[in-house]
Amino acid sequence: MTPSPRACEAPTDGPVRTCVGCRRKDTREALVRLVVDRAPLDGTLRVVVDERRSLPGRGAWVHPDPRCYELADKRRAVGRALRITTAVEHVWQDNAGRA
């Protein structure tokens, strides 16, 4: 029996996550983690980059590639992955180059 094509593309070293933009699997180190944070001044919700990958709560993973960010935004995948139903500020797009 031959393995499925998707099984062949998953990396084997370390934890594997799925990019919410392109839906490809990759290692944690190759992806950026996004989380929901509450703005300190006005209390609004915003999606931010979790640089240390240790903030509490649900996380959404995306490749640090503008195409993946665009796909994730177009498909509204970040909101679904984080289970957000309200509109949020997308601070993560501003930080795409840093991560």
C-alpha atoms as a PDB file:
ATOM      1  CA  MET A   1       0.000   0.000   0.000  1.00  0.00           C
ATOM      2  CA  THR A   2       1.452   3.408  -0.957  1.00  0.00           C
ATOM      3  CA  PRO A   3       1.210   6.400   1.376  1.00  0.00           C
ATOM      4  CA  SER A   4      -1.064   9.271   0.437  1.00  0.00           C
ATOM      5  CA  PRO A   5       0.565  12.364  -1.162  1.00  0.00           C
ATOM      6  CA  ARG A   6      -0.292  14.484   1.899  1.00  0.00           C
ATOM      7  CA  ALA A   7       1.493  12.057   4.224  1.00  0.00           C
ATOM      8  CA  CYS A   8       4.684  12.444   2.175  1.00  0.00           C
ATOM      9  CA  GLU A   9       4.799  16.234   2.402  1.00  0.00           C
ATOM     10  CA  ALA A  10       4.699  16.516   6.223  1.00  0.00           C
ATOM     11  CA  PRO A  11       8.090  17.155   7.838  1.00  0.00           C
ATOM     12  CA  THR A  12       9.232  14.659  10.433  1.00  0.00           C
ATOM     13  CA  ASP A  13      11.497  16.660  12.782  1.00  0.00           C
ATOM     14  CA  GLY A  14       9.554  18.244  15.617  1.00  0.00           C
ATOM     15  CA  PRO A  15       5.922  19.228  16.046  1.00  0.00           C
ATOM     16  CA  VAL A  16       3.982  19.734  12.816  1.00  0.00           C
ATOM     17  CA  ARG A  17       1.405  22.507  12.314  1.00  0.00           C
ATOM     18  CA  THR A  18      -0.790  23.503   9.363  1.00  0.00           C
ATOM     19  CA  CYS A  19      -0.584  26.967   7.792  1.00  0.00           C
ATOM     20  CA  VAL A  20      -4.051  28.583   7.809  1.00  0.00           C
ATOM     21  CA  GLY A  21      -3.180  30.357   4.554  1.00  0.00           C
ATOM     22  CA  CYS A  22      -1.863  27.716   2.157  1.00  0.00           C
ATOM     23  CA  ARG A  23      -2.960  24.679   4.243  1.00  0.00           C
ATOM     24  CA  ARG A  24       0.510  23.051   3.920  1.00  0.00           C
ATOM     25  CA  LYS A  25       2.013  21.271   6.910  1.00  0.00           C
ATOM     26  CA  ASP A  26       5.335  22.419   8.280  1.00  0.00           C
ATOM     27  CA  THR A  27       7.366  22.440  11.493  1.00  0.00           C
ATOM     28  CA  ARG A  28       6.631  24.935  14.268  1.00  0.00           C
ATOM     29  CA  GLU A  29       9.912  26.683  13.621  1.00  0.00           C
ATOM     30  CA  ALA A  30       8.959  27.418   9.994  1.00  0.00           C
ATOM     31  CA  LEU A  31       5.612  29.005  10.919  1.00  0.00           C
ATOM     32  CA  VAL A  32       4.488  32.128  12.781  1.00  0.00           C
ATOM     33  CA  ARG A  33       1.969  31.792  15.622  1.00  0.00           C
ATOM     34  CA  LEU A  34      -0.892  34.294  15.816  1.00  0.00           C
ATOM     35  CA  VAL A  35      -3.003  34.845  18.945  1.00  0.00           C
ATOM     36  CA  VAL A  36      -5.782  37.163  20.102  1.00  0.00           C
ATOM     37  CA  ASP A  37      -4.702  39.922  22.456  1.00  0.00           C
ATOM     38  CA  ARG A  38      -6.622  42.721  24.154  1.00  0.00           C
ATOM     39  CA  ALA A  39      -5.272  46.230  23.439  1.00  0.00           C
ATOM     40  CA  PRO A  40      -4.033  47.812  26.690  1.00  0.00           C
ATOM     41  CA  LEU A  41      -5.529  51.267  26.144  1.00  0.00           C
ATOM     42  CA  ASP A  42      -9.033  50.683  24.833  1.00  0.00           C
ATOM     43  CA  GLY A  43      -9.546  46.936  25.382  1.00  0.00           C
ATOM     44  CA  THR A  44     -10.296  46.085  21.750  1.00  0.00           C
ATOM     45  CA  LEU A  45      -9.340  42.665  20.460  1.00  0.00           C
ATOM     46  CA  ARG A  46      -6.457  42.362  18.028  1.00  0.00           C
ATOM     47  CA  VAL A  47      -4.541  39.547  16.374  1.00  0.00           C
ATOM     48  CA  VAL A  48      -0.818  39.732  17.134  1.00  0.00           C
ATOM     49  CA  VAL A  49       2.295  37.683  16.385  1.00  0.00           C
ATOM     50  CA  ASP A  50       3.352  35.443  19.276  1.00  0.00           C
ATOM     51  CA  GLU A  51       7.100  35.759  18.752  1.00  0.00           C
ATOM     52  CA  ARG A  52       8.042  33.409  21.594  1.00  0.00           C
ATOM     53  CA  ARG A  53       5.211  30.959  20.743  1.00  0.00           C
ATOM     54  CA  SER A  54       4.200  30.871  24.400  1.00  0.00           C
ATOM     55  CA  LEU A  55       1.245  33.231  24.913  1.00  0.00           C
ATOM     56  CA  PRO A  56      -1.856  31.623  26.410  1.00  0.00           C
ATOM     57  CA  GLY A  57      -4.909  30.789  24.334  1.00  0.00           C
ATOM     58  CA  ARG A  58      -5.625  29.395  20.907  1.00  0.00           C
ATOM     59  CA  GLY A  59      -3.105  29.969  18.184  1.00  0.00           C
ATOM     60  CA  ALA A  60      -3.255  30.094  14.400  1.00  0.00           C
ATOM     61  CA  TRP A  61      -0.147  29.190  12.426  1.00  0.00           C
ATOM     62  CA  VAL A  62       0.897  30.787   9.137  1.00  0.00           C
ATOM     63  CA  HIS A  63       4.048  30.829   6.983  1.00  0.00           C
ATOM     64  CA  PRO A  64       5.956  34.148   7.122  1.00  0.00           C
ATOM     65  CA  ASP A  65       5.161  34.666   3.442  1.00  0.00           C
ATOM     66  CA  PRO A  66       2.948  37.537   2.182  1.00  0.00           C
ATOM     67  CA  ARG A  67       1.042  35.116  -0.059  1.00  0.00           C
ATOM     68  CA  CYS A  68       0.063  32.978   2.932  1.00  0.00           C
ATOM     69  CA  TYR A  69      -1.026  36.085   4.857  1.00  0.00           C
ATOM     70  CA  GLU A  70      -3.146  37.191   1.888  1.00  0.00           C
ATOM     71  CA  LEU A  71      -4.732  33.744   1.511  1.00  0.00           C
ATOM     72  CA  ALA A  72      -5.464  33.545   5.238  1.00  0.00           C
ATOM     73  CA  ASP A  73      -7.054  36.992   5.178  1.00  0.00           C
ATOM     74  CA  LYS A  74      -9.050  36.264   1.999  1.00  0.00           C
ATOM     75  CA  ARG A  75     -10.378  32.970   3.383  1.00  0.00           C
ATOM     76  CA  ARG A  76     -10.992  34.510   6.855  1.00  0.00           C
ATOM     77  CA  ALA A  77      -9.026  31.542   8.170  1.00  0.00           C
ATOM     78  CA  VAL A  78      -7.376  33.328  11.099  1.00  0.00           C
ATOM     79  CA  GLY A  79     -10.710  34.258  12.674  1.00  0.00           C
ATOM     80  CA  ARG A  80     -12.001  30.727  12.259  1.00  0.00           C
ATOM     81  CA  ALA A  81      -8.829  29.162  13.662  1.00  0.00           C
ATOM     82  CA  LEU A  82      -8.885  31.476  16.668  1.00  0.00           C
ATOM     83  CA  ARG A  83     -12.660  31.105  17.022  1.00  0.00           C
ATOM     84  CA  ILE A  84     -13.291  34.842  16.857  1.00  0.00           C
ATOM     85  CA  THR A  85     -16.741  36.045  15.833  1.00  0.00           C
ATOM     86  CA  THR A  86     -16.183  39.796  16.263  1.00  0.00           C
ATOM     87  CA  ALA A  87     -14.138  42.108  14.068  1.00  0.00           C
ATOM     88  CA  VAL A  88     -10.531  42.421  15.201  1.00  0.00           C
ATOM     89  CA  GLU A  89      -7.585  44.580  14.294  1.00  0.00           C
ATOM     90  CA  HIS A  90      -4.993  42.679  12.274  1.00  0.00           C
ATOM     91  CA  VAL A  91      -1.737  43.809  13.856  1.00  0.00           C
ATOM     92  CA  TRP A  92      -0.150  40.580  12.599  1.00  0.00           C
ATOM     93  CA  GLN A  93      -0.032  41.854   9.007  1.00  0.00           C
ATOM     94  CA  ASP A  94       2.166  44.746  10.116  1.00  0.00           C
ATOM     95  CA  ASN A  95       4.537  42.324  11.854  1.00  0.00           C
ATOM     96  CA  ALA A  96       4.772  39.866   8.943  1.00  0.00           C
ATOM     97  CA  GLY A  97       8.278  40.950   7.999  1.00  0.00           C
ATOM     98  CA  ARG A  98       9.638  40.679  11.543  1.00  0.00           C
ATOM     99  CA  ALA A  99       8.583  37.095  12.216  1.00  0.00           C
END
